[in-house]
Every structure is written in C-alpha cells, then in structure tokens.
C-alpha cells in the first residue's frame, strides 16, 4: 500500500510507515514541501494510487464531492503528541491497511478504526 502524509502530520509518520514496509511519502518529500496545494496532493494520489493521510477536513469534502483523492485516511485523534500518534498507528496499521483494501475512506481515532466508504 502506498501513502502520502499531509503537512499537518509529522514526517516521522511517513518514516514509520516506511519502516513497517509501506511506500510512504510526506509532503516535505515533494518539490513544494509543506506548501503543496491540496489539488496537487489529490492529483498525485490519483496518479500513483496513494492513500492520503490527513487531519484536514478539506480532503473529506473533496472526497465526497469529487471522489478524489484515490483513498483517504482521516486522522481524528484530536490534539495528541507525535509519540501518541505513532503508537496509535503502530498498534493499528495492519487493521487500517485491511480496511483500506475494502473501503476508500477510513477514519482512525484514538480508540477505533471507522470504515466510511
């Protein structure tokens, strides 16, 4: 599975996903870095079949209006430390990947994985 981590999430999340064996990019890996426009992230997601990982509701709106990005993983943990975020992902990444094999929109919270569509 291929991921693209949005700007408001830590670079270490992309690094951890790579460590766990996934193809992952962070917006900092792109030519315009964290200034990359949502439209470009969506285009890249579609072209490379990448799951966009974000906290940004704009991606949710885009997904429901246009069906873009390719797949979406919404992080709804509230304000937590990067360490807590990475622990949630480490604990749940296999279940998230299984959900994303079936659904195009999945949400992860501090306590659950919600399959949306």
Protein backbone atom coordinates (compact mmCIF):
# COMPACT_ATOMS: atom_id res chain seq x y z
CA UNK A 1 0.00 0.00 0.00
CA UNK A 2 1.19 3.48 -0.88
CA UNK A 3 0.67 6.50 1.38
CA UNK A 4 1.03 10.27 1.15
CA UNK A 5 1.17 12.01 4.55
CA UNK A 6 -0.22 15.54 4.60
CA UNK A 7 1.64 18.55 6.03
CA UNK A 8 -0.06 18.80 9.42
CA UNK A 9 1.11 15.31 10.36
CA UNK A 10 4.73 14.61 11.33
CA UNK A 11 7.39 13.47 8.89
CA UNK A 12 8.13 10.71 11.38
CA UNK A 13 4.77 9.12 10.48
CA UNK A 14 5.94 8.66 6.88
CA UNK A 15 9.29 7.36 8.15
CA UNK A 16 7.50 4.88 10.43
CA UNK A 17 5.25 3.68 7.61
CA UNK A 18 8.37 3.03 5.54
CA UNK A 19 9.95 1.19 8.48
CA UNK A 20 6.83 -1.01 8.68
CA UNK A 21 7.26 -1.89 5.00
CA UNK A 22 4.96 0.56 3.22
CA UNK A 23 5.69 3.01 0.41
CA UNK A 24 5.18 6.38 2.07
CA UNK A 25 5.85 10.00 1.18
CA UNK A 26 5.39 13.12 3.24
CA UNK A 27 4.57 16.47 1.66
CA UNK A 28 8.08 17.51 2.70
CA UNK A 29 9.34 14.97 0.13
CA UNK A 30 7.59 16.90 -2.66
CA UNK A 31 9.17 19.79 -4.56
CA UNK A 32 6.99 22.41 -2.85
CA UNK A 33 7.15 20.72 0.55
CA UNK A 34 4.51 21.63 3.09
CA UNK A 35 3.34 24.39 0.74
CA UNK A 36 1.99 21.76 -1.68
CA UNK A 37 -1.57 22.62 -2.69
CA UNK A 38 -4.34 20.15 -1.91
CA UNK A 39 -5.10 19.88 -5.63
CA UNK A 40 -1.55 18.66 -6.33
CA UNK A 41 -1.76 16.17 -3.45
CA UNK A 42 -5.04 14.87 -4.91
CA UNK A 43 -3.54 14.60 -8.41
CA UNK A 44 -0.51 12.73 -7.08
CA UNK A 45 -2.76 10.44 -5.05
CA UNK A 46 -4.80 9.55 -8.13
CA UNK A 47 -1.79 9.15 -10.45
CA UNK A 48 0.17 6.96 -8.02
CA UNK A 49 -2.80 5.32 -6.23
CA UNK A 50 -1.70 6.70 -2.86
CA UNK A 51 -3.80 6.89 0.28
CA UNK A 52 -3.78 10.46 1.59
CA UNK A 53 -3.35 10.54 5.37
CA UNK A 54 -4.64 13.82 6.76
CA UNK A 55 -6.40 15.70 9.54
CA UNK A 56 -7.71 18.25 7.02
CA UNK A 57 -11.49 18.34 6.51
CA UNK A 58 -10.96 19.86 3.04
CA UNK A 59 -9.85 16.43 1.82
CA UNK A 60 -13.03 14.89 3.24
CA UNK A 61 -15.13 17.47 1.37
CA UNK A 62 -13.19 16.84 -1.84
CA UNK A 63 -13.61 13.10 -1.44
CA UNK A 64 -17.39 13.30 -1.07
CA UNK A 65 -17.83 15.90 -3.81
CA UNK A 66 -15.45 14.53 -6.45
CA UNK A 67 -14.31 11.07 -5.35
CA UNK A 68 -10.74 12.38 -5.09
CA UNK A 69 -8.20 11.54 -3.59
CA UNK A 70 -7.70 7.90 -4.55
CA UNK A 71 -8.25 6.79 -0.94
CA UNK A 72 -8.40 8.76 2.28
CA UNK A 73 -7.30 8.01 5.84
CA UNK A 74 -8.65 10.69 8.15
CA UNK A 75 -6.83 11.08 11.47
CA UNK A 76 -9.35 12.14 14.13
CA UNK A 77 -7.31 11.85 17.29
CA UNK A 78 -7.62 15.42 18.45
CA UNK A 79 -4.58 17.15 19.83
CA UNK A 80 -2.09 14.48 20.93
CA UNK A 81 1.67 14.20 20.95
CA UNK A 82 3.56 12.77 17.99
CA UNK A 83 4.60 9.87 20.21
CA UNK A 84 0.95 9.06 20.98
CA UNK A 85 0.04 9.35 17.29
CA UNK A 86 2.79 6.96 16.25
CA UNK A 87 1.75 4.49 18.97
CA UNK A 88 -1.83 4.53 17.65
CA UNK A 89 -0.58 3.87 14.12
CA UNK A 90 1.83 1.14 15.21
CA UNK A 91 -0.95 -0.64 17.09
CA UNK A 92 -3.49 -0.31 14.28
CA UNK A 93 -1.63 -0.18 10.95
CA UNK A 94 -2.46 -3.74 9.91
CA UNK A 95 -6.17 -3.22 10.60
CA UNK A 96 -6.06 0.12 8.76
CA UNK A 97 -4.48 -1.50 5.69
CA UNK A 98 -7.09 -4.28 5.72
CA UNK A 99 -9.86 -1.67 5.92
CA UNK A 100 -8.31 0.33 3.06
CA UNK A 101 -8.25 -2.77 0.88
CA UNK A 102 -12.06 -2.76 1.05
CA UNK A 103 -13.03 0.87 1.70
CA UNK A 104 -11.86 4.09 0.07
CA UNK A 105 -12.38 6.27 3.15
CA UNK A 106 -11.27 5.14 6.60
CA UNK A 107 -11.02 7.15 9.80
CA UNK A 108 -8.67 6.42 12.70
CA UNK A 109 -9.33 7.75 16.19
CA UNK A 110 -7.53 7.20 19.44
CA UNK A 111 -9.66 4.14 20.12
CA UNK A 112 -11.11 2.86 16.85
CA UNK A 113 -10.98 2.45 13.11
CA UNK A 114 -14.11 3.52 11.27
CA UNK A 115 -14.78 2.29 7.75
CA UNK A 116 -16.63 5.07 5.97
CA UNK A 117 -16.99 4.18 2.30
